[in-house]
Amino acid sequence: MATSSPLTISGAVEGVVDEVVLRRMMELVGARLSAVYGKKGKQHLQQKLNGYNQAARFNHWVVLGTATN
């Protein structure tokens, strides 16, 4: 019986702590984290959010950050 490959996901985060949390989340659900972008703060993540959203049209993505007002 063939085993399926784990789901591959790209991610974007505000900082290194968020990256650790995202990696642990992916580990818990059995997904593979292919790349993590951002890590330059909330403002940078917000500026790039549209691009990450567009990329999600073609691949699986998770963006992890704090909510905005």
PDB file of N, CA and C in Angstrom:
ATOM      1  N   MET A   1       0.836  -1.169   0.000  1.00  0.00           N
ATOM      2  CA  MET A   1       0.000   0.000   0.000  1.00  0.00           C
ATOM      3  C   MET A   1       0.885   1.238   0.000  1.00  0.00           C
ATOM      4  N   ALA A   2       0.582   2.195  -0.882  1.00  0.00           N
ATOM      5  CA  ALA A   2       1.375   3.416  -0.993  1.00  0.00           C
ATOM      6  C   ALA A   2       1.010   4.382   0.121  1.00  0.00           C
ATOM      7  N   THR A   3       2.012   5.058   0.641  1.00  0.00           N
ATOM      8  CA  THR A   3       1.755   6.080   1.654  1.00  0.00           C
ATOM      9  C   THR A   3       1.715   7.431   0.965  1.00  0.00           C
ATOM     10  N   SER A   4       0.841   8.288   1.419  1.00  0.00           N
ATOM     11  CA  SER A   4       0.728   9.613   0.812  1.00  0.00           C
ATOM     12  C   SER A   4       1.772  10.554   1.408  1.00  0.00           C
ATOM     13  N   SER A   5       2.154  11.514   0.599  1.00  0.00           N
ATOM     14  CA  SER A   5       3.107  12.529   1.056  1.00  0.00           C
ATOM     15  C   SER A   5       2.396  13.485   1.994  1.00  0.00           C
ATOM     16  N   PRO A   6       3.123  14.051   2.951  1.00  0.00           N
ATOM     17  CA  PRO A   6       2.481  15.034   3.825  1.00  0.00           C
ATOM     18  C   PRO A   6       2.125  16.296   3.040  1.00  0.00           C
ATOM     19  N   LEU A   7       1.103  16.973   3.466  1.00  0.00           N
ATOM     20  CA  LEU A   7       0.700  18.230   2.872  1.00  0.00           C
ATOM     21  C   LEU A   7       1.834  19.230   3.021  1.00  0.00           C
ATOM     22  N   THR A   8       2.194  19.900   1.947  1.00  0.00           N
ATOM     23  CA  THR A   8       3.265  20.890   1.981  1.00  0.00           C
ATOM     24  C   THR A   8       2.651  22.283   2.031  1.00  0.00           C
ATOM     25  N   ILE A   9       3.111  23.082   2.980  1.00  0.00           N
ATOM     26  CA  ILE A   9       2.544  24.401   3.237  1.00  0.00           C
ATOM     27  C   ILE A   9       3.659  25.429   3.336  1.00  0.00           C
ATOM     28  N   SER A  10       3.423  26.596   2.744  1.00  0.00           N
ATOM     29  CA  SER A  10       4.316  27.740   2.927  1.00  0.00           C
ATOM     30  C   SER A  10       3.718  28.610   4.024  1.00  0.00           C
ATOM     31  N   GLY A  11       4.560  29.376   4.695  1.00  0.00           N
ATOM     32  CA  GLY A  11       4.062  30.210   5.778  1.00  0.00           C
ATOM     33  C   GLY A  11       4.680  31.589   5.779  1.00  0.00           C
ATOM     34  N   ALA A  12       3.984  32.494   6.429  1.00  0.00           N
ATOM     35  CA  ALA A  12       4.491  33.846   6.643  1.00  0.00           C
ATOM     36  C   ALA A  12       4.189  34.221   8.087  1.00  0.00           C
ATOM     37  N   VAL A  13       5.162  34.822   8.748  1.00  0.00           N
ATOM     38  CA  VAL A  13       5.040  35.136  10.169  1.00  0.00           C
ATOM     39  C   VAL A  13       5.630  36.516  10.461  1.00  0.00           C
ATOM     40  N   GLU A  14       5.307  37.024  11.641  1.00  0.00           N
ATOM     41  CA  GLU A  14       5.864  38.304  12.074  1.00  0.00           C
ATOM     42  C   GLU A  14       7.302  38.176  12.548  1.00  0.00           C
ATOM     43  N   GLY A  15       7.605  37.126  13.281  1.00  0.00           N
ATOM     44  CA  GLY A  15       8.941  37.012  13.858  1.00  0.00           C
ATOM     45  C   GLY A  15       9.326  35.578  14.129  1.00  0.00           C
ATOM     46  N   VAL A  16      10.484  35.423  14.761  1.00  0.00           N
ATOM     47  CA  VAL A  16      11.040  34.089  14.981  1.00  0.00           C
ATOM     48  C   VAL A  16      10.206  33.249  15.952  1.00  0.00           C
ATOM     49  N   VAL A  17       9.578  33.874  16.938  1.00  0.00           N
ATOM     50  CA  VAL A  17       8.731  33.119  17.861  1.00  0.00           C
ATOM     51  C   VAL A  17       7.528  32.564  17.105  1.00  0.00           C
ATOM     52  N   ASP A  18       6.943  33.377  16.231  1.00  0.00           N
ATOM     53  CA  ASP A  18       5.825  32.908  15.416  1.00  0.00           C
ATOM     54  C   ASP A  18       6.250  31.746  14.520  1.00  0.00           C
ATOM     55  N   GLU A  19       7.474  31.783  14.038  1.00  0.00           N
ATOM     56  CA  GLU A  19       7.969  30.699  13.198  1.00  0.00           C
ATOM     57  C   GLU A  19       8.040  29.399  13.989  1.00  0.00           C
ATOM     58  N   VAL A  20       8.513  29.472  15.223  1.00  0.00           N
ATOM     59  CA  VAL A  20       8.587  28.282  16.069  1.00  0.00           C
ATOM     60  C   VAL A  20       7.181  27.718  16.288  1.00  0.00           C
ATOM     61  N   VAL A  21       6.226  28.592  16.569  1.00  0.00           N
ATOM     62  CA  VAL A  21       4.842  28.162  16.783  1.00  0.00           C
ATOM     63  C   VAL A  21       4.291  27.519  15.510  1.00  0.00           C
ATOM     64  N   LEU A  22       4.524  28.138  14.363  1.00  0.00           N
ATOM     65  CA  LEU A  22       4.029  27.599  13.100  1.00  0.00           C
ATOM     66  C   LEU A  22       4.645  26.236  12.798  1.00  0.00           C
ATOM     67  N   ARG A  23       5.941  26.108  13.021  1.00  0.00           N
ATOM     68  CA  ARG A  23       6.597  24.813  12.779  1.00  0.00           C
ATOM     69  C   ARG A  23       6.004  23.727  13.675  1.00  0.00           C
ATOM     70  N   ARG A  24       5.732  24.060  14.917  1.00  0.00           N
ATOM     71  CA  ARG A  24       5.149  23.083  15.842  1.00  0.00           C
ATOM     72  C   ARG A  24       3.728  22.715  15.416  1.00  0.00           C
ATOM     73  N   MET A  25       2.957  23.702  14.978  1.00  0.00           N
ATOM     74  CA  MET A  25       1.602  23.429  14.498  1.00  0.00           C
ATOM     75  C   MET A  25       1.630  22.467  13.316  1.00  0.00           C
ATOM     76  N   MET A  26       2.524  22.706  12.373  1.00  0.00           N
ATOM     77  CA  MET A  26       2.617  21.846  11.196  1.00  0.00           C
ATOM     78  C   MET A  26       3.046  20.429  11.584  1.00  0.00           C
ATOM     79  N   GLU A  27       3.942  20.343  12.551  1.00  0.00           N
ATOM     80  CA  GLU A  27       4.383  19.036  13.052  1.00  0.00           C
ATOM     81  C   GLU A  27       3.211  18.268  13.661  1.00  0.00           C
ATOM     82  N   LEU A  28       2.388  18.965  14.434  1.00  0.00           N
ATOM     83  CA  LEU A  28       1.256  18.328  15.102  1.00  0.00           C
ATOM     84  C   LEU A  28       0.212  17.808  14.127  1.00  0.00           C
ATOM     85  N   VAL A  29       0.019  18.504  13.008  1.00  0.00           N
ATOM     86  CA  VAL A  29      -0.998  18.069  12.036  1.00  0.00           C
ATOM     87  C   VAL A  29      -0.410  17.183  10.939  1.00  0.00           C
ATOM     88  N   GLY A  30       0.900  16.966  10.980  1.00  0.00           N
ATOM     89  CA  GLY A  30       1.521  16.088  10.003  1.00  0.00           C
ATOM     90  C   GLY A  30       1.801  16.728   8.663  1.00  0.00           C
ATOM     91  N   ALA A  31       1.862  18.050   8.623  1.00  0.00           N
ATOM     92  CA  ALA A  31       2.165  18.771   7.386  1.00  0.00           C
ATOM     93  C   ALA A  31       3.650  19.113   7.333  1.00  0.00           C
ATOM     94  N   ARG A  32       4.124  19.399   6.147  1.00  0.00           N
ATOM     95  CA  ARG A  32       5.523  19.786   5.952  1.00  0.00           C
ATOM     96  C   ARG A  32       5.559  21.267   5.622  1.00  0.00           C
ATOM     97  N   LEU A  33       6.345  22.022   6.347  1.00  0.00           N
ATOM     98  CA  LEU A  33       6.498  23.455   6.116  1.00  0.00           C
ATOM     99  C   LEU A  33       7.633  23.655   5.122  1.00  0.00           C
ATOM    100  N   SER A  34       7.301  24.137   3.920  1.00  0.00           N
ATOM    101  CA  SER A  34       8.318  24.241   2.878  1.00  0.00           C
ATOM    102  C   SER A  34       9.173  25.498   3.017  1.00  0.00           C
ATOM    103  N   ALA A  35       8.567  26.608   3.338  1.00  0.00           N
ATOM    104  CA  ALA A  35       9.306  27.864   3.472  1.00  0.00           C
ATOM    105  C   ALA A  35       8.549  28.774   4.425  1.00  0.00           C
ATOM    106  N   VAL A  36       9.290  29.617   5.129  1.00  0.00           N
ATOM    107  CA  VAL A  36       8.676  30.597   6.023  1.00  0.00           C
ATOM    108  C   VAL A  36       9.194  31.971   5.626  1.00  0.00           C
ATOM    109  N   TYR A  37       8.260  32.866   5.322  1.00  0.00           N
ATOM    110  CA  TYR A  37       8.593  34.215   4.869  1.00  0.00           C
ATOM    111  C   TYR A  37       8.247  35.226   5.947  1.00  0.00           C
ATOM    112  N   GLY A  38       8.710  36.436   5.766  1.00  0.00           N
ATOM    113  CA  GLY A  38       8.437  37.508   6.709  1.00  0.00           C
ATOM    114  C   GLY A  38       9.549  37.621   7.727  1.00  0.00           C
ATOM    115  N   LYS A  39       9.194  37.393   8.973  1.00  0.00           N
ATOM    116  CA  LYS A  39      10.124  37.466  10.110  1.00  0.00           C
ATOM    117  C   LYS A  39      10.761  38.844  10.251  1.00  0.00           C
ATOM    118  N   LYS A  40      10.041  39.870   9.776  1.00  0.00           N
ATOM    119  CA  LYS A  40      10.555  41.239   9.876  1.00  0.00           C
ATOM    120  C   LYS A  40       9.551  42.163  10.548  1.00  0.00           C
ATOM    121  N   GLY A  41       8.649  41.587  11.338  1.00  0.00           N
ATOM    122  CA  GLY A  41       7.708  42.399  12.084  1.00  0.00           C
ATOM    123  C   GLY A  41       6.320  42.474  11.464  1.00  0.00           C
ATOM    124  N   LYS A  42       5.417  43.028  12.272  1.00  0.00           N
ATOM    125  CA  LYS A  42       4.009  43.120  11.897  1.00  0.00           C
ATOM    126  C   LYS A  42       3.785  43.991  10.666  1.00  0.00           C
ATOM    127  N   GLN A  43       4.425  45.154  10.621  1.00  0.00           N
ATOM    128  CA  GLN A  43       4.223  46.070   9.501  1.00  0.00           C
ATOM    129  C   GLN A  43       4.678  45.438   8.186  1.00  0.00           C
ATOM    130  N   HIS A  44       5.804  44.765   8.201  1.00  0.00           N
ATOM    131  CA  HIS A  44       6.306  44.094   6.994  1.00  0.00           C
ATOM    132  C   HIS A  44       5.337  43.007   6.544  1.00  0.00           C
ATOM    133  N   LEU A  45       4.832  42.229   7.499  1.00  0.00           N
ATOM    134  CA  LEU A  45       3.878  41.172   7.178  1.00  0.00           C
ATOM    135  C   LEU A  45       2.617  41.762   6.548  1.00  0.00           C
ATOM    136  N   GLN A  46       2.126  42.856   7.103  1.00  0.00           N
ATOM    137  CA  GLN A  46       0.932  43.501   6.557  1.00  0.00           C
ATOM    138  C   GLN A  46       1.184  44.017   5.137  1.00  0.00           C
ATOM    139  N   GLN A  47       2.363  44.554   4.891  1.00  0.00           N
ATOM    140  CA  GLN A  47       2.683  45.073   3.562  1.00  0.00           C
ATOM    141  C   GLN A  47       2.743  43.962   2.521  1.00  0.00           C
ATOM    142  N   LYS A  48       3.147  42.785   2.919  1.00  0.00           N
ATOM    143  CA  LYS A  48       3.302  41.654   2.003  1.00  0.00           C
ATOM    144  C   LYS A  48       2.064  40.761   1.934  1.00  0.00           C
ATOM    145  N   LEU A  49       1.064  41.031   2.748  1.00  0.00           N
ATOM    146  CA  LEU A  49      -0.084  40.147   2.877  1.00  0.00           C
ATOM    147  C   LEU A  49      -0.806  39.905   1.551  1.00  0.00           C
ATOM    148  N   ASN A  50      -0.977  40.918   0.741  1.00  0.00           N
ATOM    149  CA  ASN A  50      -1.642  40.735  -0.548  1.00  0.00           C
ATOM    150  C   ASN A  50      -0.874  39.749  -1.426  1.00  0.00           C
ATOM    151  N   GLY A  51       0.435  39.844  -1.428  1.00  0.00           N
ATOM    152  CA  GLY A  51       1.247  38.913  -2.204  1.00  0.00           C
ATOM    153  C   GLY A  51       1.125  37.482  -1.707  1.00  0.00           C
ATOM    154  N   TYR A  52       1.098  37.295  -0.391  1.00  0.00           N
ATOM    155  CA  TYR A  52       0.918  35.959   0.172  1.00  0.00           C
ATOM    156  C   TYR A  52      -0.470  35.419  -0.201  1.00  0.00           C
ATOM    157  N   ASN A  53      -1.449  36.302  -0.172  1.00  0.00           N
ATOM    158  CA  ASN A  53      -2.805  35.909  -0.536  1.00  0.00           C
ATOM    159  C   ASN A  53      -2.862  35.466  -1.997  1.00  0.00           C
ATOM    160  N   GLN A  54      -2.189  36.179  -2.871  1.00  0.00           N
ATOM    161  CA  GLN A  54      -2.145  35.793  -4.286  1.00  0.00           C
ATOM    162  C   GLN A  54      -1.437  34.448  -4.466  1.00  0.00           C
ATOM    163  N   ALA A  55      -0.362  34.235  -3.740  1.00  0.00           N
ATOM    164  CA  ALA A  55       0.369  32.972  -3.823  1.00  0.00           C
ATOM    165  C   ALA A  55      -0.496  31.807  -3.356  1.00  0.00           C
ATOM    166  N   ALA A  56      -1.408  32.078  -2.437  1.00  0.00           N
ATOM    167  CA  ALA A  56      -2.282  31.026  -1.909  1.00  0.00           C
ATOM    168  C   ALA A  56      -3.286  30.539  -2.949  1.00  0.00           C
ATOM    169  N   ARG A  57      -3.384  31.226  -4.060  1.00  0.00           N
ATOM    170  CA  ARG A  57      -4.240  30.751  -5.148  1.00  0.00           C
ATOM    171  C   ARG A  57      -3.658  29.492  -5.780  1.00  0.00           C
ATOM    172  N   PHE A  58      -2.360  29.276  -5.610  1.00  0.00           N
ATOM    173  CA  PHE A  58      -1.670  28.182  -6.284  1.00  0.00           C
ATOM    174  C   PHE A  58      -1.084  27.138  -5.339  1.00  0.00           C
ATOM    175  N   ASN A  59      -0.879  27.494  -4.083  1.00  0.00           N
ATOM    176  CA  ASN A  59      -0.291  26.588  -3.092  1.00  0.00           C
ATOM    177  C   ASN A  59      -0.941  26.835  -1.741  1.00  0.00           C
ATOM    178  N   HIS A  60      -0.736  25.909  -0.837  1.00  0.00           N
ATOM    179  CA  HIS A  60      -1.280  26.045   0.523  1.00  0.00           C
ATOM    180  C   HIS A  60      -0.412  27.014   1.320  1.00  0.00           C
ATOM    181  N   TRP A  61      -1.072  27.909   2.042  1.00  0.00           N
ATOM    182  CA  TRP A  61      -0.367  28.924   2.842  1.00  0.00           C
ATOM    183  C   TRP A  61      -1.018  29.072   4.206  1.00  0.00           C
ATOM    184  N   VAL A  62      -0.181  29.456   5.180  1.00  0.00           N
ATOM    185  CA  VAL A  62      -0.640  29.862   6.501  1.00  0.00           C
ATOM    186  C   VAL A  62       0.085  31.153   6.835  1.00  0.00           C
ATOM    187  N   VAL A  63      -0.678  32.151   7.268  1.00  0.00           N
ATOM    188  CA  VAL A  63      -0.078  33.407   7.731  1.00  0.00           C
ATOM    189  C   VAL A  63      -0.408  33.518   9.214  1.00  0.00           C
ATOM    190  N   LEU A  64       0.638  33.698  10.004  1.00  0.00           N
ATOM    191  CA  LEU A  64       0.475  33.746  11.460  1.00  0.00           C
ATOM    192  C   LEU A  64       0.984  35.084  11.966  1.00  0.00           C
ATOM    193  N   GLY A  65       0.074  35.857  12.565  1.00  0.00           N
ATOM    194  CA  GLY A  65       0.438  37.153  13.111  1.00  0.00           C
ATOM    195  C   GLY A  65      -0.658  37.628  14.047  1.00  0.00           C
ATOM    196  N   THR A  66      -0.441  38.772  14.635  1.00  0.00           N
ATOM    197  CA  THR A  66      -1.443  39.325  15.542  1.00  0.00           C
ATOM    198  C   THR A  66      -2.485  40.077  14.731  1.00  0.00           C
ATOM    199  N   ALA A  67      -3.689  40.146  15.290  1.00  0.00           N
ATOM    200  CA  ALA A  67      -4.787  40.827  14.622  1.00  0.00           C
ATOM    201  C   ALA A  67      -4.523  42.336  14.560  1.00  0.00           C
ATOM    202  N   THR A  68      -5.090  42.960  13.540  1.00  0.00           N
ATOM    203  CA  THR A  68      -4.962  44.407  13.403  1.00  0.00           C
ATOM    204  C   THR A  68      -6.261  45.078  13.833  1.00  0.00           C
ATOM    205  N   ASN A  69      -6.162  46.327  14.203  1.00  0.00           N
ATOM    206  CA  ASN A  69      -7.344  47.081  14.612  1.00  0.00           C
ATOM    207  C   ASN A  69      -8.035  47.658  13.409  1.00  0.00           C
TER     208      ASN A  69
END
